Amino acid sequence: MQKIPTFRKGGIHPDDKKVLSNRQAIERLPVPAELIIPLSQHIGAPALPLKQKGDRVEAGEKIGQGASFISADIHSPVNGTVTALNKVTLANSVVSDAFVITPDTENPMGIWEERPYEAFSAAELQKIVKDLGIVGAGGATFPTHIKLTVPRGKTVDALVVNGVECEPYLTADHRLMLEHSEMVVRGVMLVARMTNPKKIIIGVENNKKDAIVALRKVIAEHDFPIVVTPLKVKYPQGDEKQLLKATIKREIPSGKLPLDVGAVVLNVATAFAIYEAVAYNKPLIERIVTVSGEAIATKRNLRVLIGTKVADLLAYAGLAEEAETYIAGGPMMGFAFYDDQTPIIKGTSGILAFTEEAHKQAPVSPCISCGRCIAACPMGLQPTKLYRLIDHRQYSEAMATNLMDCKECGCCAFVCPAHLPLVHAMKLGKRLGRK
């Protein structure tokens, strides 16, 4: 019996809760009455506004210009009118300028017609990815055109596509691979044309066997040079460092990037967005979002316009009970927030709503030096030591103990019997240690 690959060091096996939302096909959320389009939906400098209050906009029109090398353009998801330019606080606590757009009551959506794209060069494809505002859709939101521009003198041995989706509750990528496998695979091949890798791997955790079958079927039909690798179900395998260890057995050194070990890592949802951008000239103006959690009446995956308020998703899915808190993303690495007027952005993979009972936190007690956090850490760190240093405000010492290698994955906090706020401490230590 062949051993299913995974990363070796650390990791945990939380109850994935995926059965709550992965049984139903993706549904399109109706166009809401109002959209809030932030200008900071990506890592890097916020986009600069190109419109003013009262301006008409068309679906797909650029309304925000990337402001620096690391930035991304923003586009209108609908035909409509700009009614305001306000400040908005996002789920990750970033305060951003944002357009408020009222969609037209008639024909608010754009029309996206397929175009021939086979003759596009790698440079032309990269320009399309840049101009249409594609960023990492798995949650990192790094501008994708930068990642796909391989510096002179560098080569790509492996293009590794992330179909892991290891966070509990989230099933958006699963449904995407299952229902739109052709578009995902064609998006992967477009990425390959831009990066010229020697091999192409799609890593999918073994709890998504139907998605593995669907991807392999498309690959076989077109004889694409792609290998779909089933991976052992283990968190946080979706992190690029753990994914590369599992798929190509390479470790990214501290402070380095995948390209330093000859790899490019991309999420399946990003590949899908690239295909739509190239084949339909469609910017990243909508995405698949998992709506789940104990407070949700009908857990499901929705195709949602960027800028849709969380309240509109909740109204469509229904609340079984009053929600105590919301999480954007997954429960391990997502961001807790409380305002249902918060908008969906390019990196929002899920909205989870939890009751007071489900969200109840156990009381904190003193560390007993059991070592469980050390065994669970996939980066080989000593969370208990780092916690003590940060708690005693010894930030420089924590930085010298490889604090910046912490991925904030939450494995340490998950296994801690004392319920220490370990991830919160790591984030605080990084912020203060950089000063």
Protein backbone atom coordinates (compact mmCIF):
# COMPACT_ATOMS: atom_id res chain seq x y z
CA MET A 1 0.00 0.00 0.00
CA GLN A 2 1.45 3.35 -1.09
CA LYS A 3 2.00 5.85 1.70
CA ILE A 4 0.04 9.10 1.30
CA PRO A 5 2.49 12.03 1.40
CA THR A 6 2.38 14.82 3.95
CA PHE A 7 4.78 17.09 5.84
CA ARG A 8 6.52 15.35 8.74
CA LYS A 9 7.04 17.91 11.49
CA GLY A 10 4.12 18.90 13.73
CA GLY A 11 0.58 19.52 12.55
CA ILE A 12 -2.83 18.66 13.99
CA HIS A 13 -6.10 16.97 13.01
CA PRO A 14 -9.05 19.19 13.98
CA ASP A 15 -12.62 18.14 13.19
CA ASP A 16 -12.92 19.58 9.67
CA LYS A 17 -16.71 20.25 9.72
CA LYS A 18 -16.65 20.23 5.91
CA VAL A 19 -19.68 17.99 5.54
CA LEU A 20 -21.79 20.96 6.69
CA SER A 21 -21.33 22.81 3.39
CA ASN A 22 -19.75 20.55 0.76
CA ARG A 23 -22.86 18.62 -0.34
CA GLN A 24 -24.63 21.39 -2.26
CA ALA A 25 -23.66 22.93 -5.61
CA ILE A 26 -22.41 26.53 -5.71
CA GLU A 27 -25.23 29.07 -5.85
CA ARG A 28 -25.06 32.66 -7.10
CA LEU A 29 -25.99 35.29 -4.53
CA PRO A 30 -28.42 37.83 -6.05
CA VAL A 31 -26.98 41.28 -6.74
CA PRO A 32 -27.30 43.26 -3.47
CA ALA A 33 -28.75 46.76 -3.19
CA GLU A 34 -25.35 48.24 -2.34
CA LEU A 35 -21.70 47.25 -2.66
CA ILE A 36 -18.72 48.49 -0.62
CA ILE A 37 -15.50 48.18 -2.66
CA PRO A 38 -12.36 48.74 -0.52
CA LEU A 39 -9.20 50.06 -2.15
CA SER A 40 -7.05 47.87 0.10
CA GLN A 41 -7.89 44.25 -0.78
CA HIS A 42 -4.33 43.01 -1.15
CA ILE A 43 -0.90 42.93 0.44
CA GLY A 44 0.91 46.18 -0.34
CA ALA A 45 -0.11 49.77 -0.95
CA PRO A 46 -3.83 50.56 -1.28
CA ALA A 47 -5.05 51.40 -4.77
CA LEU A 48 -5.61 55.05 -5.65
CA PRO A 49 -9.23 56.04 -6.37
CA LEU A 50 -10.06 56.81 -10.00
CA LYS A 51 -13.72 57.75 -9.47
CA GLN A 52 -15.68 60.30 -7.49
CA LYS A 53 -19.12 60.46 -5.92
CA GLY A 54 -21.77 60.59 -8.61
CA ASP A 55 -19.67 58.88 -11.32
CA ARG A 56 -21.17 56.11 -13.42
CA VAL A 57 -19.22 52.84 -13.53
CA GLU A 58 -19.46 49.77 -15.71
CA ALA A 59 -18.90 46.16 -14.68
CA GLY A 60 -15.21 45.38 -15.03
CA GLU A 61 -14.15 49.04 -15.23
CA LYS A 62 -11.01 49.95 -13.31
CA ILE A 63 -11.91 52.21 -10.38
CA GLY A 64 -8.69 51.90 -8.35
CA GLN A 65 -5.12 52.09 -9.65
CA GLY A 66 -2.35 50.04 -8.01
CA ALA A 67 -0.18 52.58 -6.19
CA SER A 68 3.22 50.86 -6.07
CA PHE A 69 5.20 47.82 -7.17
CA ILE A 70 3.35 45.70 -4.60
CA SER A 71 -0.25 46.73 -5.12
CA ALA A 72 -3.25 45.73 -7.26
CA ASP A 73 -5.91 47.37 -9.39
CA ILE A 74 -9.54 47.42 -8.25
CA HIS A 75 -12.54 47.05 -10.60
CA SER A 76 -16.25 47.63 -10.36
CA PRO A 77 -18.22 44.37 -10.10
CA VAL A 78 -21.38 45.95 -11.56
CA ASN A 79 -22.91 48.62 -13.74
CA GLY A 80 -23.97 51.33 -11.34
CA THR A 81 -23.27 54.65 -9.65
CA VAL A 82 -20.70 55.68 -7.06
CA THR A 83 -22.70 57.13 -4.19
CA ALA A 84 -19.86 57.75 -1.71
CA LEU A 85 -16.18 57.27 -0.90
CA ASN A 86 -16.04 56.27 2.78
CA LYS A 87 -13.69 54.72 5.31
CA VAL A 88 -14.40 51.07 6.13
CA THR A 89 -12.85 48.66 8.62
CA LEU A 90 -12.22 45.25 7.07
CA ALA A 91 -12.40 41.91 8.86
CA ASN A 92 -8.62 41.92 9.31
CA SER A 93 -8.89 45.33 11.10
CA VAL A 94 -7.36 47.23 8.15
CA VAL A 95 -9.01 50.64 7.70
CA SER A 96 -9.44 51.39 4.00
CA ASP A 97 -11.02 53.94 1.72
CA ALA A 98 -13.92 52.29 -0.09
CA PHE A 99 -16.31 53.12 -2.90
CA VAL A 100 -19.99 52.71 -2.17
CA ILE A 101 -21.69 51.63 -5.40
CA THR A 102 -25.42 51.32 -6.05
CA PRO A 103 -25.95 48.74 -8.83
CA ASP A 104 -28.36 49.49 -11.67
CA THR A 105 -31.78 47.95 -11.15
CA GLU A 106 -31.79 46.69 -14.75
CA ASN A 107 -28.84 44.76 -16.19
CA PRO A 108 -26.37 45.36 -13.34
CA MET A 109 -24.07 42.49 -14.35
CA GLY A 110 -21.40 42.55 -17.04
CA ILE A 111 -21.36 40.29 -20.09
CA TRP A 112 -18.19 38.22 -20.40
CA GLU A 113 -17.64 36.65 -23.82
CA GLU A 114 -14.93 34.08 -24.42
CA ARG A 115 -12.05 35.18 -26.61
CA PRO A 116 -9.17 33.29 -28.26
CA TYR A 117 -6.13 33.37 -26.01
CA GLU A 118 -3.83 30.66 -27.35
CA ALA A 119 -1.52 33.16 -29.08
CA PHE A 120 -0.86 35.33 -26.01
CA SER A 121 2.82 35.41 -25.01
CA ALA A 122 3.97 34.94 -21.43
CA ALA A 123 4.52 38.71 -21.11
CA GLU A 124 1.02 39.41 -22.43
CA LEU A 125 -0.49 36.92 -20.00
CA GLN A 126 1.35 38.52 -17.09
CA LYS A 127 0.06 41.95 -18.15
CA ILE A 128 -3.51 40.62 -18.22
CA VAL A 129 -3.09 39.20 -14.71
CA LYS A 130 -1.78 42.57 -13.51
CA ASP A 131 -4.32 44.75 -15.33
CA LEU A 132 -7.29 42.70 -14.13
CA GLY A 133 -6.32 42.84 -10.47
CA ILE A 134 -5.65 39.15 -9.78
CA VAL A 135 -4.35 38.48 -6.26
CA GLY A 136 -3.92 35.33 -4.20
CA ALA A 137 -7.48 34.12 -3.68
CA GLY A 138 -6.52 31.62 -0.98
CA GLY A 139 -6.42 34.42 1.58
CA ALA A 140 -2.89 35.82 1.28
CA THR A 141 -3.92 38.37 -1.43
CA PHE A 142 -0.36 38.85 -2.71
CA PRO A 143 -0.50 40.47 -6.20
CA THR A 144 -0.24 37.47 -8.52
CA HIS A 145 1.57 39.17 -11.42
CA ILE A 146 4.62 39.63 -9.19
CA LYS A 147 4.67 35.97 -8.20
CA LEU A 148 4.41 34.87 -11.85
CA THR A 149 7.23 37.12 -13.08
CA VAL A 150 10.28 34.89 -12.67
CA PRO A 151 13.42 37.03 -12.21
CA ARG A 152 16.22 36.69 -14.73
CA GLY A 153 18.60 33.95 -13.70
CA LYS A 154 15.92 32.02 -11.79
CA THR A 155 14.21 28.86 -13.03
CA VAL A 156 11.07 27.09 -11.85
CA ASP A 157 11.49 23.38 -11.23
CA ALA A 158 7.96 22.90 -9.90
CA LEU A 159 4.65 24.69 -10.17
CA VAL A 160 2.68 23.48 -7.15
CA VAL A 161 -1.03 24.29 -7.12
CA ASN A 162 -2.72 24.37 -3.73
CA GLY A 163 -6.01 22.48 -3.65
CA VAL A 164 -5.54 21.46 -0.02
CA GLU A 165 -8.09 23.70 1.75
CA CYS A 166 -7.15 22.30 5.16
CA GLU A 167 -9.01 24.88 7.30
CA PRO A 168 -12.10 23.47 9.04
CA TYR A 169 -15.52 24.46 7.64
CA LEU A 170 -14.17 25.84 4.34
CA THR A 171 -15.24 24.00 1.15
CA ALA A 172 -15.16 26.76 -1.51
CA ASP A 173 -12.05 25.34 -3.22
CA HIS A 174 -13.46 21.82 -3.02
CA ARG A 175 -16.64 22.81 -4.85
CA LEU A 176 -14.64 24.89 -7.32
CA MET A 177 -12.41 21.94 -8.24
CA LEU A 178 -15.43 19.67 -8.50
CA GLU A 179 -17.75 21.92 -10.51
CA HIS A 180 -15.23 23.94 -12.55
CA SER A 181 -12.35 21.49 -12.89
CA GLU A 182 -11.87 22.30 -16.60
CA MET A 183 -11.40 26.01 -15.91
CA VAL A 184 -9.12 25.35 -12.93
CA VAL A 185 -6.88 23.05 -14.98
CA ARG A 186 -6.77 25.44 -17.93
CA GLY A 187 -5.85 28.22 -15.50
CA VAL A 188 -2.99 26.06 -14.23
CA MET A 189 -1.74 25.58 -17.79
CA LEU A 190 -1.81 29.36 -18.33
CA VAL A 191 0.31 29.78 -15.22
CA ALA A 192 2.69 27.17 -16.62
CA ARG A 193 3.05 29.22 -19.81
CA MET A 194 4.08 32.19 -17.70
CA THR A 195 6.54 30.36 -15.42
CA ASN A 196 7.83 27.50 -17.65
CA PRO A 197 8.11 24.87 -14.88
CA LYS A 198 9.71 21.48 -15.34
CA LYS A 199 6.81 19.77 -13.58
CA ILE A 200 3.29 20.70 -12.49
CA ILE A 201 1.61 19.29 -9.38
CA ILE A 202 -1.83 19.89 -7.93
CA GLY A 203 -1.89 18.89 -4.24
CA VAL A 204 -5.32 17.89 -2.92
CA GLU A 205 -6.05 16.45 0.51
CA ASN A 206 -7.48 12.96 0.45
CA ASN A 207 -10.83 14.01 1.93
CA LYS A 208 -11.70 15.46 -1.50
CA LYS A 209 -11.57 12.26 -3.54
CA ASP A 210 -14.32 13.42 -5.92
CA ALA A 211 -12.34 16.57 -6.75
CA ILE A 212 -9.22 14.46 -7.39
CA VAL A 213 -11.20 12.29 -9.82
CA ALA A 214 -12.67 15.35 -11.57
CA LEU A 215 -9.28 17.02 -12.03
CA ARG A 216 -7.63 13.83 -13.28
CA LYS A 217 -10.45 13.29 -15.79
CA VAL A 218 -9.91 16.73 -17.35
CA ILE A 219 -6.13 16.30 -17.37
CA ALA A 220 -6.41 12.91 -19.12
CA GLU A 221 -8.87 14.23 -21.71
CA HIS A 222 -6.43 16.95 -22.80
CA ASP A 223 -3.20 15.07 -22.08
CA PHE A 224 -1.94 17.94 -19.91
CA PRO A 225 1.43 17.39 -18.16
CA ILE A 226 -0.08 17.75 -14.67
CA VAL A 227 0.09 15.31 -11.75
CA VAL A 228 -2.66 15.40 -9.12
CA THR A 229 -1.12 14.29 -5.82
CA PRO A 230 -3.48 13.14 -3.03
CA LEU A 231 -2.19 14.28 0.37
CA LYS A 232 -2.82 13.05 3.87
CA VAL A 233 -5.45 15.08 5.72
CA LYS A 234 -3.41 17.21 8.11
CA TYR A 235 -3.46 20.85 9.16
CA PRO A 236 -1.75 23.23 8.17
CA GLN A 237 -0.85 21.49 4.91
CA GLY A 238 -2.27 24.42 2.92
CA ASP A 239 0.63 26.62 4.00
CA GLU A 240 3.10 26.87 1.15
CA LYS A 241 6.04 25.68 3.27
CA GLN A 242 4.23 22.54 4.40
CA LEU A 243 2.76 21.98 0.93
CA LEU A 244 6.21 22.01 -0.68
CA LYS A 245 7.51 19.59 1.94
CA ALA A 246 4.61 17.25 1.19
CA THR A 247 4.72 17.44 -2.61
CA ILE A 248 8.33 18.01 -3.70
CA LYS A 249 10.20 17.35 -0.41
CA ARG A 250 11.84 20.77 -0.36
CA GLU A 251 12.14 23.06 2.65
CA ILE A 252 12.09 26.82 2.29
CA PRO A 253 14.88 28.29 4.46
CA SER A 254 14.01 30.90 7.07
CA GLY A 255 13.33 34.26 5.45
CA LYS A 256 13.22 32.84 1.93
CA LEU A 257 10.46 32.35 -0.66
CA PRO A 258 9.32 29.30 -2.69
CA LEU A 259 11.21 30.60 -5.72
CA ASP A 260 14.44 30.29 -3.73
CA VAL A 261 13.93 26.51 -3.84
CA GLY A 262 12.78 26.53 -7.47
CA ALA A 263 9.03 26.52 -6.85
CA VAL A 264 5.98 28.65 -7.52
CA VAL A 265 2.89 28.01 -5.34
CA LEU A 266 -0.59 29.08 -6.40
CA ASN A 267 -4.09 28.45 -5.05
CA VAL A 268 -6.70 26.70 -7.25
CA ALA A 269 -9.06 29.68 -6.88
CA THR A 270 -6.31 31.96 -8.16
CA ALA A 271 -5.80 29.67 -11.18
CA PHE A 272 -9.55 29.85 -11.83
CA ALA A 273 -9.46 33.67 -11.63
CA ILE A 274 -6.51 33.74 -14.05
CA TYR A 275 -8.43 31.61 -16.54
CA GLU A 276 -11.44 33.94 -16.38
CA ALA A 277 -9.16 36.97 -16.78
CA VAL A 278 -7.38 35.58 -19.83
CA ALA A 279 -10.26 33.78 -21.55
CA TYR A 280 -13.02 36.31 -20.79
CA ASN A 281 -11.16 39.56 -20.02
CA LYS A 282 -12.89 39.42 -16.64
CA PRO A 283 -11.28 41.09 -13.60
CA LEU A 284 -11.36 39.54 -10.13
CA ILE A 285 -14.76 40.98 -9.22
CA GLU A 286 -16.44 37.93 -7.68
CA ARG A 287 -15.42 34.76 -5.85
CA ILE A 288 -16.74 31.60 -4.20
CA VAL A 289 -17.35 32.02 -0.45
CA THR A 290 -18.24 29.31 2.06
CA VAL A 291 -21.03 30.40 4.43
CA SER A 292 -21.03 28.05 7.41
CA GLY A 293 -20.82 27.77 11.19
CA GLU A 294 -23.24 26.66 13.87
CA ALA A 295 -25.36 29.82 13.65
CA ILE A 296 -26.06 29.43 9.90
CA ALA A 297 -29.35 27.77 8.94
CA THR A 298 -28.33 26.52 5.48
CA LYS A 299 -24.58 26.08 5.10
CA ARG A 300 -23.50 26.50 1.49
CA ASN A 301 -21.06 27.94 -1.02
CA LEU A 302 -22.05 31.12 -2.81
CA ARG A 303 -20.67 32.96 -5.82
CA VAL A 304 -20.48 36.47 -4.40
CA LEU A 305 -19.65 39.88 -5.90
CA ILE A 306 -16.67 41.59 -4.29
CA GLY A 307 -18.01 44.33 -2.02
CA THR A 308 -21.09 42.39 -0.89
CA LYS A 309 -21.86 42.97 2.78
CA VAL A 310 -21.74 40.02 5.15
CA ALA A 311 -25.33 40.87 6.13
CA ASP A 312 -26.47 40.03 2.59
CA LEU A 313 -24.84 36.58 2.79
CA LEU A 314 -26.42 35.94 6.17
CA ALA A 315 -29.84 37.03 4.96
CA TYR A 316 -29.62 34.62 2.02
CA ALA A 317 -28.29 31.65 4.02
CA GLY A 318 -30.42 32.39 7.07
CA LEU A 319 -29.49 32.36 10.75
CA ALA A 320 -30.60 29.36 12.80
CA GLU A 321 -29.58 31.16 16.00
CA GLU A 322 -28.25 34.57 16.92
CA ALA A 323 -24.59 34.89 15.98
CA GLU A 324 -22.16 35.91 18.70
CA THR A 325 -19.25 36.48 16.32
CA TYR A 326 -18.20 36.12 12.70
CA ILE A 327 -14.95 34.87 11.20
CA ALA A 328 -13.64 35.80 7.76
CA GLY A 329 -11.71 32.77 6.49
CA GLY A 330 -11.29 29.65 8.58
CA PRO A 331 -11.42 29.28 12.37
CA MET A 332 -7.67 28.59 12.66
CA MET A 333 -6.21 31.55 10.76
CA GLY A 334 -9.22 33.69 9.96
CA PHE A 335 -10.16 37.06 11.45
CA ALA A 336 -12.93 37.47 14.03
CA PHE A 337 -15.18 40.50 13.57
CA TYR A 338 -18.60 41.66 14.72
CA ASP A 339 -19.97 44.11 12.13
CA ASP A 340 -22.20 42.44 9.52
CA GLN A 341 -21.76 45.49 7.25
CA THR A 342 -18.17 44.34 6.62
CA PRO A 343 -17.62 43.71 2.87
CA ILE A 344 -16.36 40.63 1.09
CA ILE A 345 -12.93 41.25 -0.47
CA LYS A 346 -10.78 39.34 -2.95
CA GLY A 347 -9.23 37.14 -0.24
CA THR A 348 -12.45 36.20 1.61
CA SER A 349 -12.73 32.42 1.30
CA GLY A 350 -15.41 31.98 3.94
CA ILE A 351 -17.77 33.69 6.35
CA LEU A 352 -18.43 31.66 9.49
CA ALA A 353 -21.07 32.59 12.05
CA PHE A 354 -20.88 31.14 15.55
CA THR A 355 -23.30 31.11 18.45
CA GLU A 356 -22.28 32.25 21.91
CA GLU A 357 -22.06 28.61 23.02
CA ALA A 358 -19.84 27.57 20.09
CA HIS A 359 -17.61 30.62 20.55
CA LYS A 360 -17.22 30.24 24.30
CA GLN A 361 -13.55 30.28 25.32
CA ALA A 362 -12.14 28.18 28.12
CA PRO A 363 -10.45 30.05 30.99
CA VAL A 364 -6.70 30.54 30.79
CA SER A 365 -4.54 28.73 33.34
CA PRO A 366 -0.76 28.69 33.95
CA CYS A 367 1.52 26.88 31.50
CA ILE A 368 2.48 23.43 32.78
CA SER A 369 5.39 22.97 30.32
CA CYS A 370 3.78 19.88 28.82
CA GLY A 371 5.47 20.41 25.46
CA ARG A 372 2.35 19.78 23.34
CA CYS A 373 2.73 23.11 21.56
CA ILE A 374 6.31 22.23 20.60
CA ALA A 375 5.24 18.85 19.21
CA ALA A 376 2.42 20.46 17.21
CA CYS A 377 4.39 23.36 15.72
CA PRO A 378 5.00 22.64 12.00
CA MET A 379 7.85 25.16 11.95
CA GLY A 380 9.80 23.47 14.75
CA LEU A 381 9.55 26.46 17.08
CA GLN A 382 9.17 26.57 20.86
CA PRO A 383 5.85 28.42 21.35
CA THR A 384 5.99 28.19 25.15
CA LYS A 385 9.42 29.85 25.23
CA LEU A 386 8.35 32.53 22.76
CA TYR A 387 5.20 33.18 24.79
CA ARG A 388 7.19 33.72 27.97
CA LEU A 389 9.61 36.11 26.23
CA ILE A 390 6.77 38.14 24.73
CA ASP A 391 4.82 38.11 28.00
CA HIS A 392 7.91 39.57 29.70
CA ARG A 393 8.29 42.16 26.91
CA GLN A 394 11.57 40.67 25.75
CA TYR A 395 10.70 41.25 22.11
CA SER A 396 14.23 41.37 20.73
CA GLU A 397 15.00 38.04 22.39
CA ALA A 398 11.83 36.57 20.87
CA MET A 399 12.84 37.82 17.43
CA ALA A 400 16.25 36.20 17.94
CA THR A 401 14.43 32.93 18.77
CA ASN A 402 12.97 32.79 15.23
CA LEU A 403 9.65 34.44 16.06
CA MET A 404 9.31 35.64 12.45
CA ASP A 405 9.20 32.01 11.28
CA CYS A 406 5.86 31.57 13.08
CA LYS A 407 3.06 31.12 10.53
CA GLU A 408 0.32 31.97 13.07
CA CYS A 409 -1.39 28.72 12.08
CA GLY A 410 -2.87 28.16 15.54
CA CYS A 411 -1.64 24.59 16.06
CA CYS A 412 -0.01 25.53 19.36
CA ALA A 413 -3.12 27.22 20.75
CA PHE A 414 -5.32 24.32 19.56
CA VAL A 415 -3.44 21.73 21.62
CA CYS A 416 -2.62 23.90 24.66
CA PRO A 417 -4.35 22.47 27.79
CA ALA A 418 -3.84 25.83 29.54
CA HIS A 419 -5.68 27.66 26.72
CA LEU A 420 -2.96 30.29 26.50
CA PRO A 421 -3.48 33.00 23.81
CA LEU A 422 -0.37 31.84 21.98
CA VAL A 423 -1.20 33.11 18.48
CA HIS A 424 -2.24 36.50 19.82
CA ALA A 425 1.10 36.70 21.65
CA MET A 426 3.06 35.80 18.50
CA LYS A 427 1.28 38.52 16.50
CA LEU A 428 1.91 41.07 19.25
CA GLY A 429 5.56 40.04 19.56
CA LYS A 430 6.13 40.43 15.81
CA ARG A 431 4.53 43.85 15.71
CA LEU A 432 6.49 45.19 18.69
CA GLY A 433 9.68 43.33 17.82
CA ARG A 434 9.91 45.06 14.43
CA LYS A 435 10.03 48.52 16.03
